[in-house]
Amino acid sequence: MTRDEAIPYISFCIDDDGRIIGYYGAPVGADYLRKAVKANGIYGVLDFFYAGKTAPKLLQLGPVAGQNWLLDQPEKRRRRRKAVA
């Protein structure tokens, strides 16, 4: 998939008893989804509690500009931990 292609991302609305009462979808690109999962450390991208590094920009900038904002950010380098013998 390229950056311009989108895949549907579905979120569920759940009531207090755990039953699904509705759902909605938002088109997100595969590249954005991969980068958002790495940035947040979880698989959800629309949850403001757990996806706090990316979800606010989606709301503030809109779905297309919010995804482009994250994709334009440079990849953060992670230090590898040395194996302890």
C-alpha atoms as a PDB file:
ATOM      1  CA  MET A   1       0.000   0.000   0.000  1.00  0.00           C
ATOM      2  CA  THR A   2       1.137   3.493  -0.690  1.00  0.00           C
ATOM      3  CA  ARG A   3       0.781   6.523   1.532  1.00  0.00           C
ATOM      4  CA  ASP A   4      -2.343   7.705  -0.316  1.00  0.00           C
ATOM      5  CA  GLU A   5      -4.205   4.408  -0.050  1.00  0.00           C
ATOM      6  CA  ALA A   6      -6.421   3.943   2.963  1.00  0.00           C
ATOM      7  CA  ILE A   7      -7.725   0.968   4.870  1.00  0.00           C
ATOM      8  CA  PRO A   8     -10.840   1.151   7.028  1.00  0.00           C
ATOM      9  CA  TYR A   9     -10.218   1.279  10.750  1.00  0.00           C
ATOM     10  CA  ILE A  10     -13.299   0.382  12.740  1.00  0.00           C
ATOM     11  CA  SER A  11     -14.042   1.447  16.307  1.00  0.00           C
ATOM     12  CA  PHE A  12     -16.839   0.079  18.422  1.00  0.00           C
ATOM     13  CA  CYS A  13     -19.092   1.891  20.888  1.00  0.00           C
ATOM     14  CA  ILE A  14     -19.794  -0.362  23.887  1.00  0.00           C
ATOM     15  CA  ASP A  15     -22.395   0.138  26.605  1.00  0.00           C
ATOM     16  CA  ASP A  16     -21.902  -0.536  30.334  1.00  0.00           C
ATOM     17  CA  ASP A  17     -22.860  -4.201  29.886  1.00  0.00           C
ATOM     18  CA  GLY A  18     -20.181  -4.754  27.248  1.00  0.00           C
ATOM     19  CA  ARG A  19     -22.594  -4.965  24.297  1.00  0.00           C
ATOM     20  CA  ILE A  20     -21.702  -3.294  21.016  1.00  0.00           C
ATOM     21  CA  ILE A  21     -24.248  -0.529  20.432  1.00  0.00           C
ATOM     22  CA  GLY A  22     -22.681   1.022  17.363  1.00  0.00           C
ATOM     23  CA  TYR A  23     -19.540   1.410  15.367  1.00  0.00           C
ATOM     24  CA  TYR A  24     -17.892   3.882  13.069  1.00  0.00           C
ATOM     25  CA  GLY A  25     -15.002   3.750  10.682  1.00  0.00           C
ATOM     26  CA  ALA A  26     -12.236   6.100   9.760  1.00  0.00           C
ATOM     27  CA  PRO A  27     -10.000   5.609   6.722  1.00  0.00           C
ATOM     28  CA  VAL A  28      -6.377   5.400   7.786  1.00  0.00           C
ATOM     29  CA  GLY A  29      -3.368   4.557   5.689  1.00  0.00           C
ATOM     30  CA  ALA A  30      -1.328   1.463   6.368  1.00  0.00           C
ATOM     31  CA  ASP A  31       1.832   3.555   6.801  1.00  0.00           C
ATOM     32  CA  TYR A  32       0.066   5.800   9.306  1.00  0.00           C
ATOM     33  CA  LEU A  33      -1.305   2.816  11.212  1.00  0.00           C
ATOM     34  CA  ARG A  34       2.155   1.250  11.486  1.00  0.00           C
ATOM     35  CA  LYS A  35       3.756   4.478  12.660  1.00  0.00           C
ATOM     36  CA  ALA A  36       0.935   5.305  15.116  1.00  0.00           C
ATOM     37  CA  VAL A  37       1.139   1.842  16.671  1.00  0.00           C
ATOM     38  CA  LYS A  38       4.886   2.264  17.156  1.00  0.00           C
ATOM     39  CA  ALA A  39       4.512   5.796  18.563  1.00  0.00           C
ATOM     40  CA  ASN A  40       1.749   4.933  21.033  1.00  0.00           C
ATOM     41  CA  GLY A  41       2.833   1.405  21.905  1.00  0.00           C
ATOM     42  CA  ILE A  42      -0.727   0.095  21.388  1.00  0.00           C
ATOM     43  CA  TYR A  43      -2.867  -1.001  18.448  1.00  0.00           C
ATOM     44  CA  GLY A  44      -5.624   1.621  18.808  1.00  0.00           C
ATOM     45  CA  VAL A  45      -5.320   4.935  17.004  1.00  0.00           C
ATOM     46  CA  LEU A  46      -8.571   6.705  17.940  1.00  0.00           C
ATOM     47  CA  ASP A  47      -8.476   6.192  21.715  1.00  0.00           C
ATOM     48  CA  PHE A  48      -7.432   9.460  23.375  1.00  0.00           C
ATOM     49  CA  PHE A  49      -6.453   7.757  26.640  1.00  0.00           C
ATOM     50  CA  TYR A  50      -4.002   5.270  25.163  1.00  0.00           C
ATOM     51  CA  ALA A  51      -3.182   6.895  21.795  1.00  0.00           C
ATOM     52  CA  GLY A  52      -2.442  10.299  23.287  1.00  0.00           C
ATOM     53  CA  LYS A  53       0.573  10.895  21.077  1.00  0.00           C
ATOM     54  CA  THR A  54      -1.364  10.722  17.795  1.00  0.00           C
ATOM     55  CA  ALA A  55      -5.148  10.912  18.337  1.00  0.00           C
ATOM     56  CA  PRO A  56      -5.277  14.616  19.334  1.00  0.00           C
ATOM     57  CA  LYS A  57      -3.664  15.628  16.038  1.00  0.00           C
ATOM     58  CA  LEU A  58      -6.244  13.592  14.116  1.00  0.00           C
ATOM     59  CA  LEU A  59      -9.001  15.581  15.802  1.00  0.00           C
ATOM     60  CA  GLN A  60      -7.219  18.930  15.621  1.00  0.00           C
ATOM     61  CA  LEU A  61      -6.039  18.727  11.993  1.00  0.00           C
ATOM     62  CA  GLY A  62      -8.587  16.340  10.490  1.00  0.00           C
ATOM     63  CA  PRO A  63      -8.076  12.786   9.275  1.00  0.00           C
ATOM     64  CA  VAL A  64      -5.925  13.511   6.221  1.00  0.00           C
ATOM     65  CA  ALA A  65      -3.767  16.320   7.636  1.00  0.00           C
ATOM     66  CA  GLY A  66      -3.443  14.481  10.974  1.00  0.00           C
ATOM     67  CA  GLN A  67      -2.097  11.397   9.237  1.00  0.00           C
ATOM     68  CA  ASN A  68       0.260  13.473   7.114  1.00  0.00           C
ATOM     69  CA  TRP A  69       1.515  15.221  10.269  1.00  0.00           C
ATOM     70  CA  LEU A  70       2.627  11.918  11.779  1.00  0.00           C
ATOM     71  CA  LEU A  71       4.047  10.584   8.527  1.00  0.00           C
ATOM     72  CA  ASP A  72       6.144  13.726   8.127  1.00  0.00           C
ATOM     73  CA  GLN A  73       7.711  13.284  11.590  1.00  0.00           C
ATOM     74  CA  PRO A  74      11.188  11.714  11.510  1.00  0.00           C
ATOM     75  CA  GLU A  75      11.531   8.197  12.837  1.00  0.00           C
ATOM     76  CA  LYS A  76      12.837   8.164  16.389  1.00  0.00           C
ATOM     77  CA  ARG A  77      15.875   6.040  16.930  1.00  0.00           C
ATOM     78  CA  ARG A  78      15.596   3.593  19.757  1.00  0.00           C
ATOM     79  CA  ARG A  79      18.631   2.465  21.645  1.00  0.00           C
ATOM     80  CA  ARG A  80      18.978  -1.255  21.843  1.00  0.00           C
ATOM     81  CA  ARG A  81      19.631  -2.603  25.278  1.00  0.00           C
ATOM     82  CA  LYS A  82      22.688  -4.709  25.722  1.00  0.00           C
ATOM     83  CA  ALA A  83      22.024  -8.290  26.618  1.00  0.00           C
ATOM     84  CA  VAL A  84      22.929  -9.104  30.170  1.00  0.00           C
ATOM     85  CA  ALA A  85      24.848 -12.336  30.494  1.00  0.00           C
END
